[in-house]
Amino acid sequence: MAKDLTDHGFESLTTIEEVDKALENQEGTALVVVNSVCGCAAANARPGAKMALDYEKKPTKLYTVFAGVDREATGRVREYLLPYPPSSPAIGLFKDGKLAHFLERHHIEGRSAAAIAENLKMAFERFC
């Protein structure tokens, strides 16, 4: 499940230090996928995030954390996603270190991967 994203160019963040290095004072754009074992991550979030990257504008950095596996790293990413409550799966787009666009689980669950990809492409168009 983690390889589904790392095989597609996402860097796995597994420690608090890696998360801080990636997101603290970050310049440019970064897409962060909070991955999970649930069905909506497999059917919607991961495929949607990968499909969105087939677009002319896209984030310069791609990251992922795995909820329930990399607990400390996921917890730190969730601090960067405040004021939103913990959610997995979830997808955040950061621009210059600030959260610019966010999809919580309720934006992912029950929506097609294509709909999630289109949502992300609109955010890429605006922020990337």
N, C-alpha and C. Protein backbone atom coordinates (compact mmCIF):
# COMPACT_ATOMS: atom_id res chain seq x y z
N MET A 1 0.82 -1.20 0.00
CA MET A 1 0.00 0.00 0.00
C MET A 1 0.86 1.26 0.00
N ALA A 2 1.96 1.24 0.74
CA ALA A 2 2.85 2.40 0.73
C ALA A 2 3.57 2.51 -0.61
N LYS A 3 3.97 1.37 -1.18
CA LYS A 3 4.66 1.36 -2.47
C LYS A 3 3.78 1.90 -3.59
N ASP A 4 2.48 1.85 -3.42
CA ASP A 4 1.57 2.38 -4.43
C ASP A 4 1.90 3.85 -4.70
N LEU A 5 2.31 4.59 -3.69
CA LEU A 5 2.68 5.99 -3.88
C LEU A 5 4.18 6.17 -4.08
N THR A 6 5.00 5.46 -3.32
CA THR A 6 6.44 5.65 -3.47
C THR A 6 6.92 5.18 -4.84
N ASP A 7 6.29 4.19 -5.42
CA ASP A 7 6.63 3.76 -6.77
C ASP A 7 6.22 4.79 -7.82
N HIS A 8 5.42 5.76 -7.39
CA HIS A 8 4.93 6.80 -8.30
C HIS A 8 5.59 8.15 -8.02
N GLY A 9 6.71 8.13 -7.29
CA GLY A 9 7.48 9.35 -7.09
C GLY A 9 7.28 10.06 -5.76
N PHE A 10 6.42 9.54 -4.90
CA PHE A 10 6.22 10.14 -3.59
C PHE A 10 7.33 9.68 -2.65
N GLU A 11 7.84 10.61 -1.87
CA GLU A 11 8.85 10.29 -0.86
C GLU A 11 8.15 9.97 0.45
N SER A 12 8.47 8.83 1.03
CA SER A 12 7.88 8.42 2.29
C SER A 12 8.59 9.12 3.44
N LEU A 13 7.81 9.79 4.27
CA LEU A 13 8.34 10.45 5.46
C LEU A 13 7.99 9.57 6.66
N THR A 14 9.01 9.10 7.37
CA THR A 14 8.76 8.13 8.43
C THR A 14 9.13 8.64 9.82
N THR A 15 9.74 9.82 9.90
CA THR A 15 10.12 10.36 11.20
C THR A 15 9.69 11.82 11.31
N ILE A 16 9.62 12.31 12.53
CA ILE A 16 9.30 13.72 12.76
C ILE A 16 10.34 14.60 12.08
N GLU A 17 11.60 14.22 12.16
CA GLU A 17 12.68 15.01 11.56
C GLU A 17 12.51 15.10 10.05
N GLU A 18 12.15 14.00 9.41
CA GLU A 18 11.93 14.04 7.95
C GLU A 18 10.76 14.94 7.58
N VAL A 19 9.70 14.90 8.37
CA VAL A 19 8.54 15.76 8.11
C VAL A 19 8.93 17.23 8.25
N ASP A 20 9.63 17.56 9.32
CA ASP A 20 10.03 18.95 9.53
C ASP A 20 10.98 19.42 8.42
N LYS A 21 11.90 18.58 8.04
CA LYS A 21 12.83 18.95 6.96
C LYS A 21 12.08 19.21 5.66
N ALA A 22 11.05 18.42 5.40
CA ALA A 22 10.28 18.55 4.16
C ALA A 22 9.33 19.75 4.18
N LEU A 23 8.72 20.04 5.32
CA LEU A 23 7.64 21.03 5.34
C LEU A 23 7.96 22.34 6.05
N GLU A 24 8.90 22.34 6.97
CA GLU A 24 9.22 23.56 7.70
C GLU A 24 10.00 24.51 6.78
N ASN A 25 9.51 25.72 6.65
CA ASN A 25 10.13 26.74 5.79
C ASN A 25 10.29 26.26 4.35
N GLN A 26 9.37 25.42 3.91
CA GLN A 26 9.40 24.84 2.58
C GLN A 26 9.10 25.92 1.54
N GLU A 27 9.84 25.91 0.44
CA GLU A 27 9.60 26.82 -0.67
C GLU A 27 9.01 26.03 -1.83
N GLY A 28 8.14 26.66 -2.58
CA GLY A 28 7.50 26.00 -3.70
C GLY A 28 6.26 25.26 -3.22
N THR A 29 5.92 24.21 -3.94
CA THR A 29 4.70 23.46 -3.63
C THR A 29 5.02 22.01 -3.28
N ALA A 30 4.22 21.47 -2.38
CA ALA A 30 4.39 20.08 -1.96
C ALA A 30 3.02 19.45 -1.75
N LEU A 31 2.84 18.27 -2.29
CA LEU A 31 1.63 17.48 -2.08
C LEU A 31 1.94 16.43 -1.03
N VAL A 32 1.10 16.35 0.00
CA VAL A 32 1.30 15.37 1.06
C VAL A 32 0.06 14.49 1.15
N VAL A 33 0.24 13.19 0.97
CA VAL A 33 -0.85 12.24 1.09
C VAL A 33 -0.70 11.50 2.41
N VAL A 34 -1.72 11.60 3.26
CA VAL A 34 -1.79 10.80 4.47
C VAL A 34 -2.45 9.49 4.04
N ASN A 35 -1.65 8.48 3.86
CA ASN A 35 -2.09 7.19 3.36
C ASN A 35 -2.67 6.35 4.50
N SER A 36 -3.49 5.38 4.17
CA SER A 36 -4.02 4.46 5.17
C SER A 36 -4.39 3.14 4.51
N VAL A 37 -4.79 2.17 5.35
CA VAL A 37 -5.14 0.85 4.85
C VAL A 37 -6.60 0.75 4.43
N CYS A 38 -7.38 1.79 4.62
CA CYS A 38 -8.81 1.70 4.35
C CYS A 38 -9.11 1.61 2.85
N GLY A 39 -10.28 1.17 2.55
CA GLY A 39 -10.70 1.00 1.16
C GLY A 39 -10.74 2.30 0.38
N CYS A 40 -11.11 3.39 1.03
CA CYS A 40 -11.18 4.66 0.30
C CYS A 40 -9.79 5.19 -0.03
N ALA A 41 -8.78 4.79 0.70
CA ALA A 41 -7.40 5.15 0.32
C ALA A 41 -7.00 4.37 -0.93
N ALA A 42 -7.34 3.08 -0.94
CA ALA A 42 -6.97 2.22 -2.07
C ALA A 42 -7.75 2.55 -3.33
N ALA A 43 -9.04 2.80 -3.20
CA ALA A 43 -9.89 3.00 -4.37
C ALA A 43 -9.97 4.45 -4.82
N ASN A 44 -9.74 5.40 -3.91
CA ASN A 44 -10.00 6.79 -4.24
C ASN A 44 -8.78 7.69 -4.06
N ALA A 45 -8.22 7.73 -2.85
CA ALA A 45 -7.18 8.71 -2.54
C ALA A 45 -5.89 8.47 -3.32
N ARG A 46 -5.34 7.27 -3.22
CA ARG A 46 -4.07 7.01 -3.92
C ARG A 46 -4.23 7.12 -5.43
N PRO A 47 -5.24 6.47 -6.02
CA PRO A 47 -5.38 6.62 -7.47
C PRO A 47 -5.66 8.07 -7.89
N GLY A 48 -6.45 8.78 -7.11
CA GLY A 48 -6.76 10.17 -7.44
C GLY A 48 -5.52 11.05 -7.39
N ALA A 49 -4.70 10.86 -6.37
CA ALA A 49 -3.46 11.64 -6.26
C ALA A 49 -2.54 11.35 -7.43
N LYS A 50 -2.42 10.08 -7.80
CA LYS A 50 -1.54 9.72 -8.92
C LYS A 50 -2.09 10.26 -10.24
N MET A 51 -3.40 10.16 -10.45
CA MET A 51 -4.01 10.67 -11.67
C MET A 51 -3.82 12.17 -11.80
N ALA A 52 -3.90 12.89 -10.70
CA ALA A 52 -3.77 14.34 -10.72
C ALA A 52 -2.39 14.78 -11.22
N LEU A 53 -1.40 13.93 -11.05
CA LEU A 53 -0.05 14.29 -11.46
C LEU A 53 0.14 14.24 -12.97
N ASP A 54 -0.84 13.70 -13.67
CA ASP A 54 -0.81 13.68 -15.13
C ASP A 54 -1.45 14.99 -15.63
N TYR A 55 -0.78 16.08 -15.30
CA TYR A 55 -1.30 17.42 -15.58
C TYR A 55 -0.09 18.33 -15.76
N GLU A 56 -0.26 19.37 -16.58
CA GLU A 56 0.89 20.24 -16.87
C GLU A 56 1.43 20.96 -15.64
N LYS A 57 0.55 21.39 -14.75
CA LYS A 57 0.99 22.03 -13.50
C LYS A 57 0.88 21.00 -12.39
N LYS A 58 1.93 20.90 -11.60
CA LYS A 58 1.91 19.95 -10.48
C LYS A 58 2.89 20.40 -9.42
N PRO A 59 2.76 19.88 -8.22
CA PRO A 59 3.67 20.25 -7.13
C PRO A 59 5.11 19.85 -7.43
N THR A 60 6.04 20.61 -6.85
CA THR A 60 7.45 20.31 -7.05
C THR A 60 7.92 19.16 -6.18
N LYS A 61 7.25 18.94 -5.05
CA LYS A 61 7.61 17.85 -4.14
C LYS A 61 6.38 16.99 -3.86
N LEU A 62 6.61 15.70 -3.69
CA LEU A 62 5.55 14.74 -3.38
C LEU A 62 5.96 13.94 -2.15
N TYR A 63 5.09 13.96 -1.13
CA TYR A 63 5.39 13.25 0.11
C TYR A 63 4.21 12.40 0.54
N THR A 64 4.50 11.41 1.35
CA THR A 64 3.44 10.60 1.95
C THR A 64 3.86 10.13 3.34
N VAL A 65 2.88 10.01 4.19
CA VAL A 65 3.04 9.37 5.50
C VAL A 65 1.97 8.29 5.58
N PHE A 66 2.24 7.26 6.37
CA PHE A 66 1.29 6.16 6.46
C PHE A 66 0.69 6.12 7.86
N ALA A 67 -0.57 6.51 7.95
CA ALA A 67 -1.28 6.52 9.24
C ALA A 67 -1.33 5.11 9.81
N GLY A 68 -1.09 4.99 11.09
CA GLY A 68 -1.12 3.70 11.76
C GLY A 68 0.20 2.95 11.67
N VAL A 69 1.09 3.37 10.79
CA VAL A 69 2.40 2.73 10.65
C VAL A 69 3.47 3.70 11.12
N ASP A 70 3.53 4.84 10.46
CA ASP A 70 4.50 5.88 10.82
C ASP A 70 3.79 6.90 11.70
N ARG A 71 3.47 6.47 12.91
CA ARG A 71 2.61 7.27 13.79
C ARG A 71 3.18 8.63 14.14
N GLU A 72 4.45 8.69 14.49
CA GLU A 72 5.04 9.98 14.87
C GLU A 72 5.10 10.92 13.68
N ALA A 73 5.50 10.41 12.51
CA ALA A 73 5.56 11.24 11.31
C ALA A 73 4.15 11.72 10.92
N THR A 74 3.18 10.82 11.01
CA THR A 74 1.81 11.19 10.69
C THR A 74 1.30 12.25 11.67
N GLY A 75 1.61 12.08 12.93
CA GLY A 75 1.21 13.07 13.93
C GLY A 75 1.79 14.44 13.63
N ARG A 76 3.05 14.47 13.20
CA ARG A 76 3.68 15.75 12.88
C ARG A 76 3.04 16.37 11.63
N VAL A 77 2.78 15.56 10.61
CA VAL A 77 2.11 16.10 9.41
C VAL A 77 0.76 16.69 9.82
N ARG A 78 0.06 16.01 10.71
CA ARG A 78 -1.25 16.52 11.14
C ARG A 78 -1.14 17.86 11.86
N GLU A 79 -0.01 18.14 12.48
CA GLU A 79 0.21 19.45 13.07
C GLU A 79 0.30 20.52 11.98
N TYR A 80 0.92 20.18 10.87
CA TYR A 80 1.01 21.10 9.74
C TYR A 80 -0.36 21.29 9.07
N LEU A 81 -1.25 20.32 9.25
CA LEU A 81 -2.58 20.38 8.63
C LEU A 81 -3.62 21.08 9.51
N LEU A 82 -3.22 21.54 10.68
CA LEU A 82 -4.16 22.27 11.54
C LEU A 82 -4.66 23.52 10.83
N PRO A 83 -5.90 23.90 11.01
CA PRO A 83 -6.83 23.56 12.08
C PRO A 83 -7.71 22.35 11.78
N TYR A 84 -7.42 21.63 10.71
CA TYR A 84 -8.24 20.47 10.38
C TYR A 84 -7.98 19.33 11.35
N PRO A 85 -9.03 18.59 11.72
CA PRO A 85 -8.84 17.45 12.63
C PRO A 85 -8.14 16.30 11.91
N PRO A 86 -7.56 15.37 12.67
CA PRO A 86 -6.91 14.22 12.06
C PRO A 86 -7.86 13.48 11.13
N SER A 87 -7.33 13.09 10.00
CA SER A 87 -8.13 12.43 8.98
C SER A 87 -7.21 11.54 8.17
N SER A 88 -7.68 10.35 7.87
CA SER A 88 -6.93 9.50 6.95
C SER A 88 -7.91 8.61 6.20
N PRO A 89 -7.76 8.56 4.91
CA PRO A 89 -6.75 9.27 4.15
C PRO A 89 -7.06 10.77 4.09
N ALA A 90 -6.05 11.51 3.69
CA ALA A 90 -6.19 12.96 3.51
C ALA A 90 -5.11 13.40 2.54
N ILE A 91 -5.34 14.54 1.88
CA ILE A 91 -4.36 15.05 0.92
C ILE A 91 -4.25 16.55 1.12
N GLY A 92 -3.03 17.02 1.36
CA GLY A 92 -2.80 18.44 1.55
C GLY A 92 -1.82 18.97 0.52
N LEU A 93 -2.12 20.16 0.01
CA LEU A 93 -1.21 20.86 -0.91
C LEU A 93 -0.66 22.07 -0.16
N PHE A 94 0.65 22.13 -0.06
CA PHE A 94 1.32 23.23 0.62
C PHE A 94 1.98 24.13 -0.40
N LYS A 95 1.93 25.42 -0.13
CA LYS A 95 2.66 26.39 -0.95
C LYS A 95 3.48 27.26 -0.02
N ASP A 96 4.78 27.27 -0.24
CA ASP A 96 5.71 28.05 0.58
C ASP A 96 5.49 27.80 2.07
N GLY A 97 5.31 26.53 2.42
CA GLY A 97 5.20 26.14 3.82
C GLY A 97 3.84 26.31 4.46
N LYS A 98 2.87 26.78 3.70
CA LYS A 98 1.53 26.99 4.25
C LYS A 98 0.52 26.10 3.52
N LEU A 99 -0.41 25.55 4.29
CA LEU A 99 -1.45 24.72 3.70
C LEU A 99 -2.32 25.57 2.78
N ALA A 100 -2.41 25.18 1.52
CA ALA A 100 -3.16 25.94 0.54
C ALA A 100 -4.47 25.25 0.14
N HIS A 101 -4.50 23.91 0.20
CA HIS A 101 -5.68 23.15 -0.22
C HIS A 101 -5.67 21.84 0.55
N PHE A 102 -6.84 21.38 0.97
CA PHE A 102 -6.89 20.17 1.79
C PHE A 102 -8.14 19.35 1.48
N LEU A 103 -7.93 18.07 1.33
CA LEU A 103 -9.02 17.11 1.17
C LEU A 103 -9.03 16.20 2.39
N GLU A 104 -10.09 16.30 3.17
CA GLU A 104 -10.26 15.43 4.32
C GLU A 104 -10.90 14.12 3.86
N ARG A 105 -10.95 13.16 4.76
CA ARG A 105 -11.54 11.87 4.44
C ARG A 105 -12.95 12.02 3.87
N HIS A 106 -13.75 12.94 4.43
CA HIS A 106 -15.13 13.06 3.92
C HIS A 106 -15.17 13.67 2.52
N HIS A 107 -14.08 14.25 2.05
CA HIS A 107 -13.99 14.72 0.66
C HIS A 107 -13.54 13.59 -0.27
N ILE A 108 -13.01 12.53 0.31
CA ILE A 108 -12.45 11.42 -0.46
C ILE A 108 -13.41 10.24 -0.50
N GLU A 109 -13.93 9.88 0.67
CA GLU A 109 -14.81 8.72 0.80
C GLU A 109 -16.06 8.91 -0.06
N GLY A 110 -16.36 7.93 -0.89
CA GLY A 110 -17.57 7.98 -1.71
C GLY A 110 -17.42 8.78 -3.00
N ARG A 111 -16.24 9.33 -3.25
CA ARG A 111 -16.00 10.05 -4.49
C ARG A 111 -15.04 9.22 -5.35
N SER A 112 -15.17 9.36 -6.62
CA SER A 112 -14.31 8.59 -7.52
C SER A 112 -12.89 9.16 -7.52
N ALA A 113 -11.96 8.31 -7.92
CA ALA A 113 -10.57 8.76 -8.05
C ALA A 113 -10.49 9.88 -9.08
N ALA A 114 -11.28 9.80 -10.13
CA ALA A 114 -11.27 10.84 -11.16
C ALA A 114 -11.75 12.18 -10.59
N ALA A 115 -12.76 12.15 -9.72
CA ALA A 115 -13.25 13.39 -9.10
C ALA A 115 -12.19 13.98 -8.17
N ILE A 116 -11.49 13.14 -7.45
CA ILE A 116 -10.43 13.62 -6.57
C ILE A 116 -9.30 14.22 -7.40
N ALA A 117 -8.95 13.55 -8.50
CA ALA A 117 -7.91 14.06 -9.39
C ALA A 117 -8.31 15.43 -9.95
N GLU A 118 -9.53 15.59 -10.35
CA GLU A 118 -9.98 16.88 -10.89
C GLU A 118 -9.93 17.97 -9.83
N ASN A 119 -10.31 17.63 -8.61
CA ASN A 119 -10.23 18.59 -7.50
C ASN A 119 -8.77 19.03 -7.30
N LEU A 120 -7.87 18.08 -7.29
CA LEU A 120 -6.45 18.40 -7.10
C LEU A 120 -5.90 19.19 -8.28
N LYS A 121 -6.30 18.87 -9.48
CA LYS A 121 -5.83 19.62 -10.66
C LYS A 121 -6.26 21.08 -10.58
N MET A 122 -7.47 21.33 -10.09
CA MET A 122 -7.90 22.72 -9.91
C MET A 122 -7.01 23.43 -8.90
N ALA A 123 -6.64 22.73 -7.83
CA ALA A 123 -5.74 23.32 -6.84
C ALA A 123 -4.35 23.52 -7.44
N PHE A 124 -3.87 22.58 -8.25
CA PHE A 124 -2.57 22.72 -8.89
C PHE A 124 -2.58 23.94 -9.81
N GLU A 125 -3.67 24.11 -10.53
CA GLU A 125 -3.78 25.26 -11.44
C GLU A 125 -3.67 26.57 -10.68
N ARG A 126 -4.27 26.61 -9.53
CA ARG A 126 -4.28 27.84 -8.73
C ARG A 126 -2.98 28.09 -7.98
N PHE A 127 -2.37 27.03 -7.44
CA PHE A 127 -1.24 27.23 -6.54
C PHE A 127 0.13 26.80 -7.08
N CYS A 128 0.17 26.02 -8.15
CA CYS A 128 1.46 25.53 -8.65
C CYS A 128 1.98 26.37 -9.82
